[in-house]
Every structure is written in C-alpha cells, then in structure tokens.
Amino acid sequence: MKNKLTLIKRSTPTCPDCNKMQFILDMENIEYDVIDIAVDTDAVEKYDLSSVPVMLINDGVSEIKLIGVQPIEVVKELLED
C-alpha cells in the first residue's frame, strides 16, 4: 500500500507557510488530500493542532505528523517507506 499524504492548512486568514508547502508538493507532483481548518474547524481538535501546516502521512497502520514547512526530500522519503 502506498502511504497517503494529507495536508492540513488554513486558507483564511491566508497562511504563508501553508501556501509554500502546498506549492512545493504541487511542483513535485505529489498527490495529497487537503483539510482546511478554516472550513473544517473540528479538525483542530481532532488532529490536536497547535500550528499549521501539518502533514499527516498514513500507511494504513500508523500515522506520522510533520509540523511546519518540511524539506521535500523528507516528505518523499516518508511517502516511499
């Protein structure tokens, strides 16, 4: 099973780091789902968020939480595991 990536971001007010991480993922053609906490306000509590962006990498058994802008090499390596 391929690891699944979810990007948790905030669109209102605009989050520069969220936009940067989304841009990096898009430039690398990495597939991901988005949870926007401006729309899904329950996600803050559900995922125990204290800041954004957050990336969740799920392999179906466990979940890795990356907080803040991350080097794309780290994201790619975790997605390949």
PDB file of N, CA and C in Angstrom:
ATOM      1  N   MET A   1       0.835  -1.184   0.000  1.00  0.00           N
ATOM      2  CA  MET A   1       0.000   0.000   0.000  1.00  0.00           C
ATOM      3  C   MET A   1       0.880   1.248   0.000  1.00  0.00           C
ATOM      4  N   LYS A   2       0.553   2.198  -0.839  1.00  0.00           N
ATOM      5  CA  LYS A   2       1.280   3.460  -0.884  1.00  0.00           C
ATOM      6  C   LYS A   2       0.833   4.327   0.286  1.00  0.00           C
ATOM      7  N   ASN A   3       1.794   4.985   0.921  1.00  0.00           N
ATOM      8  CA  ASN A   3       1.474   5.879   2.017  1.00  0.00           C
ATOM      9  C   ASN A   3       0.645   7.049   1.514  1.00  0.00           C
ATOM     10  N   LYS A   4      -0.314   7.481   2.327  1.00  0.00           N
ATOM     11  CA  LYS A   4      -1.226   8.555   1.957  1.00  0.00           C
ATOM     12  C   LYS A   4      -0.818   9.838   2.677  1.00  0.00           C
ATOM     13  N   LEU A   5      -0.821  10.948   1.942  1.00  0.00           N
ATOM     14  CA  LEU A   5      -0.450  12.248   2.498  1.00  0.00           C
ATOM     15  C   LEU A   5      -1.677  13.143   2.593  1.00  0.00           C
ATOM     16  N   THR A   6      -1.835  13.774   3.746  1.00  0.00           N
ATOM     17  CA  THR A   6      -2.878  14.775   3.944  1.00  0.00           C
ATOM     18  C   THR A   6      -2.206  16.053   4.416  1.00  0.00           C
ATOM     19  N   LEU A   7      -2.506  17.152   3.760  1.00  0.00           N
ATOM     20  CA  LEU A   7      -2.002  18.463   4.140  1.00  0.00           C
ATOM     21  C   LEU A   7      -3.106  19.193   4.886  1.00  0.00           C
ATOM     22  N   ILE A   8      -2.810  19.583   6.124  1.00  0.00           N
ATOM     23  CA  ILE A   8      -3.764  20.368   6.904  1.00  0.00           C
ATOM     24  C   ILE A   8      -3.279  21.808   6.865  1.00  0.00           C
ATOM     25  N   LYS A   9      -4.146  22.694   6.386  1.00  0.00           N
ATOM     26  CA  LYS A   9      -3.750  24.080   6.163  1.00  0.00           C
ATOM     27  C   LYS A   9      -4.855  25.022   6.594  1.00  0.00           C
ATOM     28  N   ARG A  10      -4.558  26.297   6.513  1.00  0.00           N
ATOM     29  CA  ARG A  10      -5.547  27.326   6.807  1.00  0.00           C
ATOM     30  C   ARG A  10      -5.579  28.295   5.636  1.00  0.00           C
ATOM     31  N   SER A  11      -6.769  28.559   5.125  1.00  0.00           N
ATOM     32  CA  SER A  11      -6.883  29.470   3.980  1.00  0.00           C
ATOM     33  C   SER A  11      -7.330  30.870   4.395  1.00  0.00           C
ATOM     34  N   THR A  12      -7.982  30.990   5.536  1.00  0.00           N
ATOM     35  CA  THR A  12      -8.463  32.292   5.975  1.00  0.00           C
ATOM     36  C   THR A  12      -8.176  32.466   7.452  1.00  0.00           C
ATOM     37  N   PRO A  13      -7.395  33.416   7.901  1.00  0.00           N
ATOM     38  CA  PRO A  13      -6.567  34.241   7.026  1.00  0.00           C
ATOM     39  C   PRO A  13      -5.487  33.394   6.362  1.00  0.00           C
ATOM     40  N   THR A  14      -4.975  33.896   5.283  1.00  0.00           N
ATOM     41  CA  THR A  14      -4.010  33.136   4.498  1.00  0.00           C
ATOM     42  C   THR A  14      -2.769  32.814   5.323  1.00  0.00           C
ATOM     43  N   CYS A  15      -2.322  31.580   5.213  1.00  0.00           N
ATOM     44  CA  CYS A  15      -1.137  31.100   5.926  1.00  0.00           C
ATOM     45  C   CYS A  15       0.009  30.972   4.919  1.00  0.00           C
ATOM     46  N   PRO A  16       1.027  31.834   5.000  1.00  0.00           N
ATOM     47  CA  PRO A  16       2.125  31.781   4.025  1.00  0.00           C
ATOM     48  C   PRO A  16       2.846  30.433   4.003  1.00  0.00           C
ATOM     49  N   ASP A  17       3.076  29.843   5.184  1.00  0.00           N
ATOM     50  CA  ASP A  17       3.765  28.550   5.218  1.00  0.00           C
ATOM     51  C   ASP A  17       2.902  27.440   4.617  1.00  0.00           C
ATOM     52  N   CYS A  18       1.598  27.519   4.811  1.00  0.00           N
ATOM     53  CA  CYS A  18       0.685  26.535   4.204  1.00  0.00           C
ATOM     54  C   CYS A  18       0.768  26.620   2.679  1.00  0.00           C
ATOM     55  N   ASN A  19       0.727  27.854   2.171  1.00  0.00           N
ATOM     56  CA  ASN A  19       0.805  28.051   0.725  1.00  0.00           C
ATOM     57  C   ASN A  19       2.150  27.572   0.175  1.00  0.00           C
ATOM     58  N   LYS A  20       3.213  27.819   0.920  1.00  0.00           N
ATOM     59  CA  LYS A  20       4.548  27.389   0.491  1.00  0.00           C
ATOM     60  C   LYS A  20       4.627  25.865   0.416  1.00  0.00           C
ATOM     61  N   MET A  21       4.128  25.170   1.450  1.00  0.00           N
ATOM     62  CA  MET A  21       4.187  23.709   1.453  1.00  0.00           C
ATOM     63  C   MET A  21       3.320  23.134   0.342  1.00  0.00           C
ATOM     64  N   GLN A  22       2.157  23.717   0.120  1.00  0.00           N
ATOM     65  CA  GLN A  22       1.281  23.252  -0.951  1.00  0.00           C
ATOM     66  C   GLN A  22       1.950  23.459  -2.309  1.00  0.00           C
ATOM     67  N   PHE A  23       2.597  24.588  -2.502  1.00  0.00           N
ATOM     68  CA  PHE A  23       3.310  24.874  -3.747  1.00  0.00           C
ATOM     69  C   PHE A  23       4.420  23.849  -3.982  1.00  0.00           C
ATOM     70  N   ILE A  24       5.190  23.541  -2.932  1.00  0.00           N
ATOM     71  CA  ILE A  24       6.274  22.560  -3.048  1.00  0.00           C
ATOM     72  C   ILE A  24       5.721  21.188  -3.435  1.00  0.00           C
ATOM     73  N   LEU A  25       4.658  20.769  -2.783  1.00  0.00           N
ATOM     74  CA  LEU A  25       4.047  19.464  -3.105  1.00  0.00           C
ATOM     75  C   LEU A  25       3.550  19.447  -4.553  1.00  0.00           C
ATOM     76  N   ASP A  26       2.920  20.534  -4.966  1.00  0.00           N
ATOM     77  CA  ASP A  26       2.416  20.618  -6.341  1.00  0.00           C
ATOM     78  C   ASP A  26       3.559  20.593  -7.357  1.00  0.00           C
ATOM     79  N   MET A  27       4.636  21.289  -7.082  1.00  0.00           N
ATOM     80  CA  MET A  27       5.782  21.318  -8.003  1.00  0.00           C
ATOM     81  C   MET A  27       6.409  19.931  -8.154  1.00  0.00           C
ATOM     82  N   GLU A  28       6.320  19.118  -7.117  1.00  0.00           N
ATOM     83  CA  GLU A  28       6.880  17.765  -7.148  1.00  0.00           C
ATOM     84  C   GLU A  28       5.849  16.726  -7.592  1.00  0.00           C
ATOM     85  N   ASN A  29       4.656  17.183  -7.977  1.00  0.00           N
ATOM     86  CA  ASN A  29       3.563  16.300  -8.416  1.00  0.00           C
ATOM     87  C   ASN A  29       3.246  15.216  -7.387  1.00  0.00           C
ATOM     88  N   ILE A  30       3.237  15.601  -6.124  1.00  0.00           N
ATOM     89  CA  ILE A  30       2.903  14.675  -5.051  1.00  0.00           C
ATOM     90  C   ILE A  30       1.411  14.779  -4.776  1.00  0.00           C
ATOM     91  N   GLU A  31       0.738  13.637  -4.780  1.00  0.00           N
ATOM     92  CA  GLU A  31      -0.696  13.610  -4.511  1.00  0.00           C
ATOM     93  C   GLU A  31      -0.944  13.742  -3.012  1.00  0.00           C
ATOM     94  N   TYR A  32      -1.977  14.499  -2.671  1.00  0.00           N
ATOM     95  CA  TYR A  32      -2.325  14.685  -1.269  1.00  0.00           C
ATOM     96  C   TYR A  32      -3.771  15.139  -1.159  1.00  0.00           C
ATOM     97  N   ASP A  33      -4.353  14.887   0.005  1.00  0.00           N
ATOM     98  CA  ASP A  33      -5.661  15.424   0.345  1.00  0.00           C
ATOM     99  C   ASP A  33      -5.439  16.686   1.159  1.00  0.00           C
ATOM    100  N   VAL A  34      -6.439  17.556   1.185  1.00  0.00           N
ATOM    101  CA  VAL A  34      -6.332  18.797   1.941  1.00  0.00           C
ATOM    102  C   VAL A  34      -7.459  18.869   2.961  1.00  0.00           C
ATOM    103  N   ILE A  35      -7.097  19.247   4.165  1.00  0.00           N
ATOM    104  CA  ILE A  35      -8.077  19.616   5.182  1.00  0.00           C
ATOM    105  C   ILE A  35      -7.808  21.076   5.501  1.00  0.00           C
ATOM    106  N   ASP A  36      -8.790  21.909   5.261  1.00  0.00           N
ATOM    107  CA  ASP A  36      -8.660  23.347   5.503  1.00  0.00           C
ATOM    108  C   ASP A  36      -9.356  23.661   6.825  1.00  0.00           C
ATOM    109  N   ILE A  37      -8.585  24.080   7.833  1.00  0.00           N
ATOM    110  CA  ILE A  37      -9.181  24.323   9.141  1.00  0.00           C
ATOM    111  C   ILE A  37     -10.085  25.554   9.165  1.00  0.00           C
ATOM    112  N   ALA A  38     -10.018  26.372   8.117  1.00  0.00           N
ATOM    113  CA  ALA A  38     -10.952  27.491   8.016  1.00  0.00           C
ATOM    114  C   ALA A  38     -12.349  26.983   7.666  1.00  0.00           C
ATOM    115  N   VAL A  39     -12.402  25.810   7.036  1.00  0.00           N
ATOM    116  CA  VAL A  39     -13.673  25.192   6.654  1.00  0.00           C
ATOM    117  C   VAL A  39     -14.062  24.108   7.661  1.00  0.00           C
ATOM    118  N   ASP A  40     -13.121  23.226   7.973  1.00  0.00           N
ATOM    119  CA  ASP A  40     -13.348  22.114   8.901  1.00  0.00           C
ATOM    120  C   ASP A  40     -12.747  22.476  10.257  1.00  0.00           C
ATOM    121  N   THR A  41     -13.465  23.285  11.021  1.00  0.00           N
ATOM    122  CA  THR A  41     -12.939  23.777  12.296  1.00  0.00           C
ATOM    123  C   THR A  41     -12.761  22.657  13.326  1.00  0.00           C
ATOM    124  N   ASP A  42     -13.469  21.554  13.190  1.00  0.00           N
ATOM    125  CA  ASP A  42     -13.317  20.422  14.108  1.00  0.00           C
ATOM    126  C   ASP A  42     -11.964  19.733  13.949  1.00  0.00           C
ATOM    127  N   ALA A  43     -11.300  19.950  12.818  1.00  0.00           N
ATOM    128  CA  ALA A  43     -10.007  19.309  12.562  1.00  0.00           C
ATOM    129  C   ALA A  43      -8.933  19.760  13.553  1.00  0.00           C
ATOM    130  N   VAL A  44      -9.063  20.962  14.074  1.00  0.00           N
ATOM    131  CA  VAL A  44      -8.072  21.466  15.035  1.00  0.00           C
ATOM    132  C   VAL A  44      -8.019  20.549  16.254  1.00  0.00           C
ATOM    133  N   GLU A  45      -9.176  20.220  16.779  1.00  0.00           N
ATOM    134  CA  GLU A  45      -9.230  19.325  17.939  1.00  0.00           C
ATOM    135  C   GLU A  45      -8.960  17.876  17.541  1.00  0.00           C
ATOM    136  N   LYS A  46      -9.539  17.455  16.447  1.00  0.00           N
ATOM    137  CA  LYS A  46      -9.390  16.062  16.005  1.00  0.00           C
ATOM    138  C   LYS A  46      -7.925  15.672  15.823  1.00  0.00           C
ATOM    139  N   TYR A  47      -7.121  16.574  15.235  1.00  0.00           N
ATOM    140  CA  TYR A  47      -5.717  16.279  14.959  1.00  0.00           C
ATOM    141  C   TYR A  47      -4.763  16.931  15.964  1.00  0.00           C
ATOM    142  N   ASP A  48      -5.333  17.516  17.032  1.00  0.00           N
ATOM    143  CA  ASP A  48      -4.542  18.139  18.089  1.00  0.00           C
ATOM    144  C   ASP A  48      -3.531  19.130  17.505  1.00  0.00           C
ATOM    145  N   LEU A  49      -4.043  20.107  16.771  1.00  0.00           N
ATOM    146  CA  LEU A  49      -3.186  21.072  16.075  1.00  0.00           C
ATOM    147  C   LEU A  49      -2.881  22.276  16.947  1.00  0.00           C
ATOM    148  N   SER A  50      -1.632  22.703  16.898  1.00  0.00           N
ATOM    149  CA  SER A  50      -1.250  23.947  17.560  1.00  0.00           C
ATOM    150  C   SER A  50      -0.700  24.941  16.547  1.00  0.00           C
ATOM    151  N   SER A  51      -0.407  24.459  15.332  1.00  0.00           N
ATOM    152  CA  SER A  51       0.052  25.319  14.249  1.00  0.00           C
ATOM    153  C   SER A  51      -0.201  24.602  12.925  1.00  0.00           C
ATOM    154  N   VAL A  52      -0.068  25.347  11.851  1.00  0.00           N
ATOM    155  CA  VAL A  52      -0.201  24.791  10.505  1.00  0.00           C
ATOM    156  C   VAL A  52       0.926  25.340   9.663  1.00  0.00           C
ATOM    157  N   PRO A  53       1.323  24.703   8.590  1.00  0.00           N
ATOM    158  CA  PRO A  53       0.749  23.482   8.044  1.00  0.00           C
ATOM    159  C   PRO A  53       1.193  22.240   8.824  1.00  0.00           C
ATOM    160  N   VAL A  54       0.377  21.223   8.701  1.00  0.00           N
ATOM    161  CA  VAL A  54       0.689  19.909   9.242  1.00  0.00           C
ATOM    162  C   VAL A  54       0.481  18.916   8.119  1.00  0.00           C
ATOM    163  N   MET A  55       1.416  17.997   7.979  1.00  0.00           N
ATOM    164  CA  MET A  55       1.249  16.913   7.015  1.00  0.00           C
ATOM    165  C   MET A  55       1.128  15.613   7.778  1.00  0.00           C
ATOM    166  N   LEU A  56       0.111  14.842   7.423  1.00  0.00           N
ATOM    167  CA  LEU A  56      -0.086  13.529   8.008  1.00  0.00           C
ATOM    168  C   LEU A  56       0.254  12.499   6.951  1.00  0.00           C
ATOM    169  N   ILE A  57       1.132  11.599   7.287  1.00  0.00           N
ATOM    170  CA  ILE A  57       1.486  10.511   6.380  1.00  0.00           C
ATOM    171  C   ILE A  57       1.005   9.231   7.027  1.00  0.00           C
ATOM    172  N   ASN A  58       0.096   8.547   6.341  1.00  0.00           N
ATOM    173  CA  ASN A  58      -0.561   7.375   6.888  1.00  0.00           C
ATOM    174  C   ASN A  58      -0.290   6.173   6.004  1.00  0.00           C
ATOM    175  N   ASP A  59       0.167   5.089   6.623  1.00  0.00           N
ATOM    176  CA  ASP A  59       0.427   3.864   5.867  1.00  0.00           C
ATOM    177  C   ASP A  59      -0.658   2.808   6.081  1.00  0.00           C
ATOM    178  N   GLY A  60      -1.759   3.208   6.722  1.00  0.00           N
ATOM    179  CA  GLY A  60      -2.841   2.274   6.985  1.00  0.00           C
ATOM    180  C   GLY A  60      -2.742   1.648   8.360  1.00  0.00           C
ATOM    181  N   VAL A  61      -1.576   1.746   8.987  1.00  0.00           N
ATOM    182  CA  VAL A  61      -1.366   1.189  10.321  1.00  0.00           C
ATOM    183  C   VAL A  61      -1.014   2.298  11.304  1.00  0.00           C
ATOM    184  N   SER A  62      -0.109   3.164  10.895  1.00  0.00           N
ATOM    185  CA  SER A  62       0.324   4.255  11.765  1.00  0.00           C
ATOM    186  C   SER A  62       0.310   5.568  10.991  1.00  0.00           C
ATOM    187  N   GLU A  63       0.487   6.651  11.744  1.00  0.00           N
ATOM    188  CA  GLU A  63       0.439   7.972  11.139  1.00  0.00           C
ATOM    189  C   GLU A  63       1.608   8.801  11.652  1.00  0.00           C
ATOM    190  N   ILE A  64       2.283   9.471  10.748  1.00  0.00           N
ATOM    191  CA  ILE A  64       3.382  10.374  11.088  1.00  0.00           C
ATOM    192  C   ILE A  64       2.874  11.795  10.898  1.00  0.00           C
ATOM    193  N   LYS A  65       3.133  12.649  11.865  1.00  0.00           N
ATOM    194  CA  LYS A  65       2.702  14.045  11.798  1.00  0.00           C
ATOM    195  C   LYS A  65       3.942  14.928  11.638  1.00  0.00           C
ATOM    196  N   LEU A  66       3.981  15.685  10.543  1.00  0.00           N
ATOM    197  CA  LEU A  66       5.055  16.646  10.295  1.00  0.00           C
ATOM    198  C   LEU A  66       4.477  18.051  10.446  1.00  0.00           C
ATOM    199  N   ILE A  67       5.111  18.870  11.274  1.00  0.00           N
ATOM    200  CA  ILE A  67       4.600  20.205  11.545  1.00  0.00           C
ATOM    201  C   ILE A  67       5.508  21.243  10.886  1.00  0.00           C
ATOM    202  N   GLY A  68       4.882  22.185  10.185  1.00  0.00           N
ATOM    203  CA  GLY A  68       5.629  23.258   9.537  1.00  0.00           C
ATOM    204  C   GLY A  68       6.105  22.868   8.147  1.00  0.00           C
ATOM    205  N   VAL A  69       6.783  23.797   7.500  1.00  0.00           N
ATOM    206  CA  VAL A  69       7.330  23.547   6.166  1.00  0.00           C
ATOM    207  C   VAL A  69       8.473  22.553   6.320  1.00  0.00           C
ATOM    208  N   GLN A  70       8.433  21.495   5.523  1.00  0.00           N
ATOM    209  CA  GLN A  70       9.423  20.423   5.592  1.00  0.00           C
ATOM    210  C   GLN A  70      10.193  20.334   4.279  1.00  0.00           C
ATOM    211  N   PRO A  71      11.449  19.915   4.344  1.00  0.00           N
ATOM    212  CA  PRO A  71      12.183  19.671   3.099  1.00  0.00           C
ATOM    213  C   PRO A  71      11.479  18.583   2.284  1.00  0.00           C
ATOM    214  N   ILE A  72      11.379  18.789   0.998  1.00  0.00           N
ATOM    215  CA  ILE A  72      10.652  17.844   0.149  1.00  0.00           C
ATOM    216  C   ILE A  72      11.295  16.459   0.193  1.00  0.00           C
ATOM    217  N   GLU A  73      12.592  16.389   0.421  1.00  0.00           N
ATOM    218  CA  GLU A  73      13.276  15.091   0.496  1.00  0.00           C
ATOM    219  C   GLU A  73      12.743  14.272   1.670  1.00  0.00           C
ATOM    220  N   VAL A  74      12.455  14.927   2.783  1.00  0.00           N
ATOM    221  CA  VAL A  74      11.906  14.233   3.955  1.00  0.00           C
ATOM    222  C   VAL A  74      10.529  13.673   3.635  1.00  0.00           C
ATOM    223  N   VAL A  75       9.704  14.491   3.010  1.00  0.00           N
ATOM    224  CA  VAL A  75       8.345  14.067   2.651  1.00  0.00           C
ATOM    225  C   VAL A  75       8.392  12.892   1.690  1.00  0.00           C
ATOM    226  N   LYS A  76       9.205  13.001   0.654  1.00  0.00           N
ATOM    227  CA  LYS A  76       9.327  11.925  -0.344  1.00  0.00           C
ATOM    228  C   LYS A  76       9.787  10.622   0.308  1.00  0.00           C
ATOM    229  N   GLU A  77      10.776  10.704   1.195  1.00  0.00           N
ATOM    230  CA  GLU A  77      11.307   9.503   1.834  1.00  0.00           C
ATOM    231  C   GLU A  77      10.216   8.820   2.679  1.00  0.00           C
ATOM    232  N   LEU A  78       9.446   9.607   3.409  1.00  0.00           N
ATOM    233  CA  LEU A  78       8.388   9.029   4.232  1.00  0.00           C
ATOM    234  C   LEU A  78       7.258   8.443   3.393  1.00  0.00           C
ATOM    235  N   LEU A  79       7.002   9.047   2.241  1.00  0.00           N
ATOM    236  CA  LEU A  79       5.965   8.514   1.357  1.00  0.00           C
ATOM    237  C   LEU A  79       6.393   7.218   0.699  1.00  0.00           C
ATOM    238  N   GLU A  80       7.695   7.030   0.519  1.00  0.00           N
ATOM    239  CA  GLU A  80       8.207   5.830  -0.142  1.00  0.00           C
ATOM    240  C   GLU A  80       8.328   4.639   0.807  1.00  0.00           C
ATOM    241  N   ASP A  81       8.455   4.907   2.107  1.00  0.00           N
ATOM    242  CA  ASP A  81       8.615   3.822   3.075  1.00  0.00           C
ATOM    243  C   ASP A  81       7.436   2.872   3.070  1.00  0.00           C
TER     244      ASP A  81
END
